[in-house]
N, C-alpha and C. Protein backbone atom coordinates (compact mmCIF):
# COMPACT_ATOMS: atom_id res chain seq x y z
N MET A 1 74.53 -21.21 75.89
CA MET A 1 73.93 -22.94 75.87
C MET A 1 72.96 -22.27 76.26
N THR A 2 71.97 -23.24 75.68
CA THR A 2 71.01 -23.81 76.04
C THR A 2 70.30 -24.90 77.48
N THR A 3 69.27 -24.33 77.96
CA THR A 3 68.34 -25.23 79.14
C THR A 3 67.45 -26.38 78.51
N SER A 4 67.09 -26.86 78.83
CA SER A 4 65.91 -27.62 78.01
C SER A 4 64.99 -27.65 79.56
N LEU A 5 63.75 -27.15 79.72
CA LEU A 5 62.32 -27.45 80.48
C LEU A 5 61.60 -27.50 79.84
N ILE A 6 61.13 -28.68 80.83
CA ILE A 6 60.05 -29.40 80.65
C ILE A 6 58.84 -29.29 81.45
N LEU A 7 58.22 -28.46 81.02
CA LEU A 7 56.20 -27.96 81.90
C LEU A 7 55.35 -29.01 81.97
N ASN A 8 55.18 -29.82 83.32
CA ASN A 8 54.02 -30.52 83.50
C ASN A 8 52.89 -29.01 84.18
N VAL A 9 51.70 -28.98 83.72
CA VAL A 9 51.04 -27.80 83.84
C VAL A 9 49.44 -28.41 84.04
N ILE A 10 48.53 -28.13 84.51
CA ILE A 10 47.56 -28.57 85.37
C ILE A 10 46.66 -27.40 86.02
N GLY A 11 45.56 -27.15 85.21
CA GLY A 11 44.31 -25.97 86.34
C GLY A 11 43.16 -26.25 85.22
N PRO A 12 42.08 -25.63 86.13
CA PRO A 12 40.75 -25.34 85.59
C PRO A 12 40.84 -25.12 83.61
N ASP A 13 40.67 -25.37 83.25
CA ASP A 13 40.67 -25.14 81.73
C ASP A 13 39.59 -23.71 81.19
N ARG A 14 40.58 -23.01 80.60
CA ARG A 14 40.02 -20.98 80.30
C ARG A 14 40.55 -21.18 79.33
N PRO A 15 39.98 -20.04 78.19
CA PRO A 15 40.79 -19.29 77.44
C PRO A 15 42.10 -18.37 78.13
N GLY A 16 42.78 -18.23 77.08
CA GLY A 16 44.45 -17.73 77.54
C GLY A 16 45.68 -18.67 78.30
N LEU A 17 45.17 -19.88 79.08
CA LEU A 17 45.85 -20.10 79.58
C LEU A 17 47.29 -20.45 78.85
N VAL A 18 47.40 -20.86 77.13
CA VAL A 18 48.07 -20.88 76.73
C VAL A 18 49.09 -19.61 76.41
N ASN A 19 48.30 -18.73 76.05
CA ASN A 19 48.74 -17.89 75.73
C ASN A 19 50.16 -17.47 76.66
N ALA A 20 49.19 -17.60 78.29
CA ALA A 20 50.17 -17.09 79.22
C ALA A 20 51.51 -17.40 79.46
N ILE A 21 51.81 -18.24 79.22
CA ILE A 21 52.83 -19.52 79.20
C ILE A 21 53.97 -19.15 78.02
N ALA A 22 52.84 -18.76 76.62
CA ALA A 22 53.83 -18.64 75.32
C ALA A 22 54.50 -17.31 75.72
N ASP A 23 53.25 -16.24 76.92
CA ASP A 23 54.28 -14.47 76.21
C ASP A 23 55.49 -15.01 77.60
N ARG A 24 55.32 -15.68 79.05
CA ARG A 24 56.63 -15.86 79.34
C ARG A 24 57.51 -16.01 79.02
N ALA A 25 57.93 -17.50 78.43
CA ALA A 25 58.57 -18.14 77.76
C ALA A 25 59.01 -17.26 76.46
N SER A 26 58.27 -16.76 75.57
CA SER A 26 58.88 -15.42 74.86
C SER A 26 59.87 -14.40 75.23
N ALA A 27 59.26 -13.89 76.25
CA ALA A 27 59.53 -12.62 76.61
C ALA A 27 61.59 -13.63 77.58
N ALA A 28 61.29 -14.10 78.40
CA ALA A 28 62.67 -15.06 78.58
C ALA A 28 63.60 -15.77 77.28
N GLY A 29 63.19 -15.37 76.14
CA GLY A 29 63.78 -15.87 75.08
C GLY A 29 63.86 -17.41 74.65
N ALA A 30 62.95 -17.81 75.18
CA ALA A 30 62.81 -19.83 74.88
C ALA A 30 61.88 -20.10 73.93
N ASN A 31 62.35 -21.11 73.37
CA ASN A 31 62.28 -21.57 71.67
C ASN A 31 60.99 -23.18 72.70
N TRP A 32 59.43 -23.30 71.66
CA TRP A 32 58.61 -23.72 72.39
C TRP A 32 59.16 -24.91 71.16
N LEU A 33 59.49 -26.20 71.96
CA LEU A 33 60.03 -27.13 71.06
C LEU A 33 58.72 -27.86 70.70
N GLU A 34 58.59 -28.74 71.75
CA GLU A 34 57.32 -29.26 71.56
C GLU A 34 56.36 -29.67 72.61
N SER A 35 55.17 -29.67 71.99
CA SER A 35 54.07 -29.45 73.42
C SER A 35 52.54 -31.02 73.09
N ARG A 36 52.53 -31.51 74.29
CA ARG A 36 50.76 -32.42 74.29
C ARG A 36 50.05 -31.40 74.91
N LEU A 37 49.44 -31.05 74.74
CA LEU A 37 48.33 -30.20 75.74
C LEU A 37 46.72 -30.28 75.24
N ALA A 38 46.31 -30.91 75.73
CA ALA A 38 44.82 -31.40 75.88
C ALA A 38 43.35 -30.84 77.05
N ASN A 39 42.39 -30.73 77.24
CA ASN A 39 41.30 -31.15 78.07
C ASN A 39 40.78 -31.63 78.35
N LEU A 40 40.92 -32.16 79.51
CA LEU A 40 40.61 -34.01 80.08
C LEU A 40 40.08 -33.60 81.45
N ALA A 41 38.88 -33.95 80.87
CA ALA A 41 37.50 -33.99 82.02
C ALA A 41 37.19 -32.19 82.93
N GLY A 42 37.60 -31.23 81.69
CA GLY A 42 37.23 -29.91 81.77
C GLY A 42 38.33 -28.83 82.83
N GLN A 43 39.57 -30.24 82.67
CA GLN A 43 41.06 -29.19 83.28
C GLN A 43 41.99 -29.41 81.93
N PHE A 44 42.70 -28.02 81.79
CA PHE A 44 43.27 -27.81 81.02
C PHE A 44 45.06 -29.31 81.23
N ALA A 45 45.44 -30.11 80.93
CA ALA A 45 46.62 -30.30 80.74
C ALA A 45 47.71 -30.20 79.68
N GLY A 46 49.01 -30.53 80.52
CA GLY A 46 50.06 -29.94 79.29
C GLY A 46 51.51 -30.51 79.90
N ILE A 47 52.09 -30.90 78.65
CA ILE A 47 53.99 -31.05 78.79
C ILE A 47 54.11 -30.55 77.50
N ILE A 48 54.67 -29.55 77.97
CA ILE A 48 55.70 -28.40 77.17
C ILE A 48 57.45 -28.72 77.35
N HIS A 49 58.03 -28.70 76.13
CA HIS A 49 59.20 -28.35 76.28
C HIS A 49 60.08 -27.45 75.63
N LEU A 50 60.90 -26.09 76.81
CA LEU A 50 61.66 -25.27 75.94
C LEU A 50 62.33 -25.41 76.05
N GLN A 51 62.99 -24.72 74.68
CA GLN A 51 64.84 -23.95 75.56
C GLN A 51 64.94 -22.88 75.38
N VAL A 52 65.89 -22.64 76.32
CA VAL A 52 66.16 -20.87 76.93
C VAL A 52 67.00 -20.67 77.26
N PRO A 53 67.77 -20.22 76.98
CA PRO A 53 69.21 -19.40 76.80
C PRO A 53 69.24 -19.52 78.33
N ASP A 54 70.71 -20.58 79.16
CA ASP A 54 70.77 -20.35 80.49
C ASP A 54 70.96 -20.08 81.25
N GLU A 55 70.92 -18.43 81.01
CA GLU A 55 70.77 -17.49 81.87
C GLU A 55 69.49 -17.13 82.58
N ASN A 56 68.52 -17.57 81.43
CA ASN A 56 67.55 -17.25 81.96
C ASN A 56 66.58 -18.08 82.03
N ALA A 57 67.01 -19.42 82.46
CA ALA A 57 65.86 -20.22 83.20
C ALA A 57 65.27 -20.19 83.92
N ASP A 58 66.50 -19.99 85.26
CA ASP A 58 65.60 -19.98 86.24
C ASP A 58 64.76 -18.37 87.02
N THR A 59 64.81 -17.32 86.00
CA THR A 59 64.14 -16.12 85.77
C THR A 59 62.64 -17.08 85.43
N LEU A 60 62.39 -17.47 84.39
CA LEU A 60 61.46 -18.55 83.36
C LEU A 60 60.31 -19.52 84.27
N THR A 61 61.38 -19.83 85.41
CA THR A 61 61.13 -20.93 85.97
C THR A 61 59.77 -20.38 87.31
N GLN A 62 60.49 -19.12 87.86
CA GLN A 62 59.96 -17.90 88.80
C GLN A 62 58.81 -17.71 87.81
N THR A 63 58.65 -17.20 86.58
CA THR A 63 57.51 -16.65 85.73
C THR A 63 56.28 -17.63 85.96
N LEU A 64 57.26 -19.04 85.38
CA LEU A 64 55.60 -19.39 85.63
C LEU A 64 55.44 -20.38 86.59
N HIS A 65 55.86 -20.51 88.03
CA HIS A 65 55.42 -20.33 88.46
C HIS A 65 54.62 -19.70 89.28
N ALA A 66 54.71 -18.19 88.63
CA ALA A 66 53.79 -17.33 88.82
C ALA A 66 52.09 -17.49 89.33
N LEU A 67 52.30 -18.08 87.35
CA LEU A 67 50.67 -18.69 87.51
C LEU A 67 49.90 -19.51 87.72
N GLU A 68 50.74 -19.78 89.58
CA GLU A 68 50.02 -20.62 90.12
C GLU A 68 48.62 -19.69 90.71
N THR A 69 49.24 -18.81 90.86
CA THR A 69 48.23 -17.38 91.93
C THR A 69 47.02 -17.61 90.86
N HIS A 70 47.10 -17.97 89.41
CA HIS A 70 45.96 -17.91 88.46
C HIS A 70 45.15 -19.41 89.09
N GLY A 71 45.53 -20.47 89.39
CA GLY A 71 44.85 -21.77 89.57
C GLY A 71 45.89 -22.73 88.26
N LEU A 72 46.21 -22.21 87.88
CA LEU A 72 47.53 -23.01 87.14
C LEU A 72 48.58 -23.19 88.06
N ARG A 73 48.92 -25.30 88.17
CA ARG A 73 49.84 -25.79 88.53
C ARG A 73 50.77 -25.90 87.60
N VAL A 74 52.16 -25.44 87.92
CA VAL A 74 53.47 -25.66 86.98
C VAL A 74 54.34 -26.61 88.09
N THR A 75 54.92 -27.53 86.94
CA THR A 75 55.84 -28.38 87.39
C THR A 75 57.20 -27.76 86.49
N VAL A 76 58.45 -27.00 86.90
CA VAL A 76 59.16 -27.57 85.95
C VAL A 76 59.55 -28.54 85.68
N THR A 77 61.08 -29.17 85.19
CA THR A 77 62.05 -30.05 85.71
C THR A 77 63.02 -29.57 84.38
N ARG A 78 64.54 -29.20 84.56
CA ARG A 78 65.65 -29.38 83.67
C ARG A 78 66.01 -30.74 83.20
N ALA A 79 65.98 -30.62 81.34
CA ALA A 79 65.75 -32.12 81.21
C ALA A 79 67.28 -33.19 81.58
N GLN A 80 67.77 -33.69 81.19
CA GLN A 80 68.79 -34.55 81.63
C GLN A 80 69.11 -34.90 79.84
N SER A 81 70.13 -35.07 79.83
CA SER A 81 70.39 -35.91 78.30
C SER A 81 70.43 -37.56 78.68
N ALA A 82 69.85 -38.31 77.80
CA ALA A 82 69.65 -39.40 78.01
C ALA A 82 70.33 -40.32 77.19
N ALA A 83 70.76 -41.35 77.72
CA ALA A 83 71.53 -42.25 76.88
C ALA A 83 70.63 -43.02 76.02
N THR A 84 71.05 -43.52 74.91
CA THR A 84 70.27 -44.08 74.02
C THR A 84 71.26 -45.13 72.83
N ASP A 85 70.32 -46.19 73.16
CA ASP A 85 70.89 -47.20 72.25
C ASP A 85 71.02 -47.07 70.40
N PRO A 86 72.26 -46.72 69.82
CA PRO A 86 71.72 -47.07 68.59
C PRO A 86 71.34 -48.23 67.90
N ALA A 87 70.94 -49.18 68.64
CA ALA A 87 70.58 -50.22 67.59
C ALA A 87 69.21 -50.13 67.80
N ALA A 88 68.66 -49.92 68.61
CA ALA A 88 67.39 -49.42 69.01
C ALA A 88 66.27 -49.04 67.84
N ARG A 89 65.50 -49.46 67.69
CA ARG A 89 64.44 -49.11 66.20
C ARG A 89 63.20 -48.85 67.03
N THR A 90 62.30 -47.93 66.56
CA THR A 90 60.63 -47.59 66.96
C THR A 90 60.37 -48.63 66.36
N LEU A 91 58.57 -48.98 66.93
CA LEU A 91 57.83 -49.45 66.77
C LEU A 91 56.42 -48.78 67.01
N GLN A 92 55.83 -48.87 65.81
CA GLN A 92 54.05 -48.24 66.56
C GLN A 92 53.36 -49.39 66.74
N LEU A 93 52.20 -49.17 68.20
CA LEU A 93 51.52 -50.56 68.23
C LEU A 93 49.97 -48.99 68.63
N ASP A 94 49.06 -49.67 67.72
CA ASP A 94 47.83 -49.27 67.07
C ASP A 94 47.23 -50.52 68.05
N LEU A 95 46.24 -50.31 69.17
CA LEU A 95 45.13 -50.71 69.95
C LEU A 95 43.53 -50.66 70.10
N VAL A 96 42.62 -51.92 69.36
CA VAL A 96 41.15 -50.89 69.67
C VAL A 96 40.55 -52.29 70.32
N GLY A 97 39.27 -51.82 71.30
CA GLY A 97 38.58 -53.14 71.63
C GLY A 97 38.26 -52.67 72.56
N GLN A 98 36.67 -53.47 73.20
CA GLN A 98 36.13 -52.85 73.64
C GLN A 98 36.27 -52.90 75.30
N ASP A 99 36.18 -51.62 76.13
CA ASP A 99 36.88 -50.71 77.41
C ASP A 99 36.75 -52.07 78.39
N HIS A 100 37.74 -51.63 78.68
CA HIS A 100 37.52 -52.52 80.29
C HIS A 100 38.84 -52.17 81.20
N PRO A 101 38.55 -52.04 81.85
CA PRO A 101 39.91 -52.20 83.02
C PRO A 101 40.86 -53.27 82.71
N GLY A 102 42.21 -52.29 83.17
CA GLY A 102 43.72 -53.27 83.20
C GLY A 102 43.72 -54.00 81.25
N ILE A 103 43.57 -52.88 80.70
CA ILE A 103 44.50 -52.77 79.22
C ILE A 103 45.50 -52.35 78.85
N VAL A 104 45.78 -51.25 79.42
CA VAL A 104 47.00 -50.60 79.55
C VAL A 104 47.57 -50.84 80.51
N LYS A 105 47.52 -51.42 81.79
CA LYS A 105 48.38 -52.08 82.80
C LYS A 105 49.08 -53.37 82.52
N GLU A 106 48.04 -54.76 81.42
CA GLU A 106 48.86 -55.90 80.82
C GLU A 106 49.58 -55.20 79.59
N ILE A 107 49.03 -54.12 78.54
CA ILE A 107 50.20 -54.19 77.88
C ILE A 107 51.94 -53.34 77.74
N SER A 108 51.13 -52.99 79.47
CA SER A 108 52.17 -52.40 79.60
C SER A 108 53.21 -53.07 80.09
N HIS A 109 52.58 -54.02 80.60
CA HIS A 109 53.67 -55.20 81.15
C HIS A 109 54.06 -56.43 80.01
N VAL A 110 54.04 -56.38 79.29
CA VAL A 110 54.66 -57.10 78.52
C VAL A 110 55.48 -56.19 77.61
N LEU A 111 55.44 -55.12 77.70
CA LEU A 111 56.59 -53.68 77.20
C LEU A 111 57.71 -53.90 78.44
N PHE A 112 57.04 -54.27 79.62
CA PHE A 112 58.46 -53.80 80.50
C PHE A 112 59.19 -54.45 80.29
N SER A 113 58.63 -55.84 80.67
CA SER A 113 59.06 -57.34 80.31
C SER A 113 60.49 -57.53 79.88
N ARG A 114 60.08 -56.63 78.73
CA ARG A 114 61.50 -57.01 77.42
C ARG A 114 62.19 -55.64 76.76
N GLY A 115 61.57 -54.84 78.90
CA GLY A 115 62.89 -53.73 78.41
C GLY A 115 62.22 -52.58 76.81
N ILE A 116 61.73 -52.94 76.81
CA ILE A 116 60.66 -51.86 75.63
C ILE A 116 60.13 -50.46 76.43
N SER A 117 60.78 -49.25 75.95
CA SER A 117 59.79 -47.81 76.70
C SER A 117 58.81 -47.29 75.64
N ILE A 118 57.89 -46.96 76.30
CA ILE A 118 56.89 -45.78 75.85
C ILE A 118 57.04 -45.10 75.68
N ASP A 119 57.59 -44.31 74.47
CA ASP A 119 58.20 -42.96 74.20
C ASP A 119 56.70 -42.62 74.16
N GLU A 120 55.18 -42.58 73.65
CA GLU A 120 54.72 -41.93 73.23
C GLU A 120 53.25 -42.62 73.55
N LEU A 121 52.17 -42.07 74.37
CA LEU A 121 51.23 -43.07 73.93
C LEU A 121 49.56 -42.34 74.02
N ALA A 122 49.21 -43.04 73.41
CA ALA A 122 47.59 -41.54 73.53
C ALA A 122 46.41 -42.64 73.36
N THR A 123 45.68 -42.28 73.94
CA THR A 123 44.61 -43.24 74.38
C THR A 123 43.30 -42.78 74.71
N GLU A 124 42.11 -42.89 74.41
CA GLU A 124 40.48 -42.86 74.17
C GLU A 124 39.44 -43.63 74.07
N CYS A 125 39.02 -43.43 75.08
CA CYS A 125 37.88 -43.88 74.60
C CYS A 125 36.16 -43.06 73.94
N VAL A 126 35.56 -43.96 72.93
CA VAL A 126 34.96 -42.82 72.05
C VAL A 126 33.39 -44.25 71.83
N GLU A 127 32.44 -44.22 71.30
CA GLU A 127 31.07 -44.88 71.22
C GLU A 127 31.43 -45.73 70.27
N GLY A 128 31.17 -46.90 70.00
CA GLY A 128 31.55 -47.81 69.01
C GLY A 128 29.83 -47.67 68.34
N SER A 129 30.00 -46.74 66.85
CA SER A 129 29.38 -47.06 65.77
C SER A 129 28.67 -48.30 65.42
N MET A 130 28.99 -49.31 65.59
CA MET A 130 28.22 -50.93 65.37
C MET A 130 28.07 -51.39 66.51
N SER A 131 29.20 -51.66 67.33
CA SER A 131 28.37 -51.92 68.89
C SER A 131 27.95 -52.05 69.93
N GLY A 132 27.45 -50.37 69.58
CA GLY A 132 27.11 -49.66 70.90
C GLY A 132 27.54 -49.90 72.33
N GLY A 133 28.97 -49.86 72.07
CA GLY A 133 29.46 -50.16 73.46
C GLY A 133 30.58 -49.17 73.49
N THR A 134 31.82 -48.65 74.61
CA THR A 134 32.74 -48.23 74.40
C THR A 134 34.01 -48.84 73.34
N LEU A 135 34.62 -48.33 73.00
CA LEU A 135 35.81 -49.10 72.40
C LEU A 135 36.75 -47.89 72.76
N PHE A 136 38.03 -48.44 73.39
CA PHE A 136 38.84 -48.46 74.00
C PHE A 136 39.81 -48.26 72.65
N ARG A 137 40.78 -47.12 72.41
CA ARG A 137 41.94 -47.28 71.83
C ARG A 137 43.25 -46.55 71.79
N ALA A 138 43.95 -47.28 71.38
CA ALA A 138 45.04 -46.44 72.30
C ALA A 138 46.42 -46.56 70.72
N THR A 139 47.52 -45.57 70.90
CA THR A 139 48.31 -45.69 69.35
C THR A 139 49.77 -45.35 70.47
N ALA A 140 50.98 -46.04 70.48
CA ALA A 140 51.98 -45.54 70.72
C ALA A 140 53.35 -46.41 70.14
N ARG A 141 54.28 -45.92 70.40
CA ARG A 141 55.45 -45.36 69.66
C ARG A 141 56.29 -45.79 71.02
N LEU A 142 56.94 -47.00 70.51
CA LEU A 142 57.92 -47.65 71.27
C LEU A 142 59.06 -47.48 71.44
N HIS A 143 60.41 -48.08 71.74
CA HIS A 143 61.19 -47.47 71.26
C HIS A 143 62.13 -49.14 71.94
N VAL A 144 62.32 -49.66 71.30
CA VAL A 144 62.90 -51.38 71.23
C VAL A 144 63.85 -51.16 70.92
N PRO A 145 64.95 -52.40 71.88
CA PRO A 145 65.70 -52.94 71.98
C PRO A 145 66.08 -53.20 71.30
N ALA A 146 67.73 -53.02 70.51
CA ALA A 146 67.52 -54.48 69.36
C ALA A 146 67.72 -55.89 69.83
N SER A 147 67.89 -56.39 70.56
CA SER A 147 67.88 -57.65 71.36
C SER A 147 66.15 -58.10 71.87
N VAL A 148 65.14 -57.04 71.16
CA VAL A 148 63.57 -57.75 70.63
C VAL A 148 63.37 -58.10 69.58
N SER A 149 63.54 -59.59 69.18
CA SER A 149 62.37 -59.55 67.64
C SER A 149 61.30 -59.07 67.43
N THR A 150 60.98 -58.04 66.24
CA THR A 150 59.90 -57.59 66.33
C THR A 150 58.89 -58.50 66.15
N GLU A 151 59.32 -59.80 65.56
CA GLU A 151 57.98 -61.18 65.55
C GLU A 151 57.20 -61.90 66.92
N SER A 152 58.84 -61.77 67.81
CA SER A 152 58.25 -62.33 69.16
C SER A 152 57.69 -61.61 69.55
N LEU A 153 57.26 -59.96 69.62
CA LEU A 153 57.26 -59.46 70.14
C LEU A 153 55.37 -59.09 69.56
N ARG A 154 55.30 -59.56 68.47
CA ARG A 154 54.26 -58.99 67.39
C ARG A 154 53.10 -60.15 67.59
N GLU A 155 53.44 -61.82 68.07
CA GLU A 155 53.05 -62.89 68.65
C GLU A 155 52.76 -62.85 70.00
N THR A 156 53.82 -62.17 71.06
CA THR A 156 53.13 -62.04 72.80
C THR A 156 51.51 -60.86 72.40
N LEU A 157 51.96 -60.10 71.58
CA LEU A 157 51.18 -58.89 71.83
C LEU A 157 49.77 -59.83 71.41
N GLU A 158 49.71 -60.64 69.92
CA GLU A 158 48.85 -61.01 69.54
C GLU A 158 47.49 -61.70 70.64
N SER A 159 49.19 -62.89 70.92
CA SER A 159 48.47 -63.71 72.56
C SER A 159 47.24 -62.81 73.43
N LEU A 160 48.56 -62.42 74.03
CA LEU A 160 47.80 -61.17 74.87
C LEU A 160 46.68 -60.67 74.42
N ALA A 161 46.26 -60.12 72.96
CA ALA A 161 44.87 -59.17 72.40
C ALA A 161 43.79 -60.58 72.20
N ASP A 162 43.49 -61.51 72.16
CA ASP A 162 43.26 -62.41 72.66
C ASP A 162 42.85 -62.56 73.89
N ASP A 163 43.50 -62.76 74.72
CA ASP A 163 43.22 -62.17 76.41
C ASP A 163 42.16 -61.65 76.42
N LEU A 164 42.48 -60.65 76.27
CA LEU A 164 42.25 -59.05 76.69
C LEU A 164 40.72 -58.47 75.36
N MET A 165 40.85 -59.47 74.66
CA MET A 165 39.41 -59.52 73.21
C MET A 165 39.41 -57.64 73.13
N VAL A 166 40.93 -57.67 72.31
CA VAL A 166 41.12 -56.09 71.53
C VAL A 166 41.63 -56.99 70.16
N ASP A 167 42.21 -55.67 69.75
CA ASP A 167 43.14 -56.19 68.32
C ASP A 167 44.07 -54.80 68.16
N VAL A 168 45.20 -55.91 68.02
CA VAL A 168 46.64 -55.23 68.36
C VAL A 168 46.59 -54.77 66.45
N GLU A 169 48.06 -54.15 66.64
CA GLU A 169 48.98 -54.15 65.20
C GLU A 169 50.23 -53.39 65.59
N LEU A 170 50.72 -53.95 65.29
CA LEU A 170 52.50 -53.63 65.66
C LEU A 170 53.13 -53.27 64.23
N ASP A 171 54.42 -52.07 63.86
CA ASP A 171 54.28 -51.52 62.77
C ASP A 171 55.32 -50.43 62.81
N SER A 172 55.88 -50.36 61.07
CA SER A 172 57.15 -49.45 62.54
C SER A 172 56.34 -48.00 61.73
N PRO A 173 56.72 -47.31 63.02
CA PRO A 173 55.53 -45.76 62.04
C PRO A 173 55.75 -45.45 61.11
N ALA A 174 54.94 -44.21 60.30
CA ALA A 174 53.96 -44.20 59.09
C ALA A 174 55.80 -42.85 58.98
N GLY A 175 56.12 -42.55 57.49
CA GLY A 175 57.84 -41.77 57.59
C GLY A 175 58.49 -42.56 57.97
N ALA A 176 58.43 -43.75 58.75
CA ALA A 176 60.19 -44.29 59.38
C ALA A 176 60.47 -44.80 57.98
């Protein structure tokens, strides 16, 4: 049997951090399943999903926590199986517009109020080549219950997009 561990890691970025985590995972016989790692404002930040033999989970957790003496904060969570709705579907939301506070708040509220889960969210601010201002971009993978009409959701998001002065697209993700 295996145990799924979710790691949250953060600390000052420097070479070798991923290697230090990978060494400890490998030594425990863990399989590195998926991760999202980035340098955010000079900090190494990441989420990692490892699968480790049950008998090695506690030892791996302890060796990962030992990285804290090197300035890397590590939180380890044992993953629980989540109940899934077999009739739910995945949609992708893409958004772009002039950056201003409140965009994520407003969009996430619309999704939450309809029981939609955000499975993945990536955002960034970039300099607009034509406008000269800062553009906010977001891409989200959504887990949408069968009870929510795609067309109704699209209309609601487009109405909100007009208020927020952003462009939104809602489609099935590529490859789906």
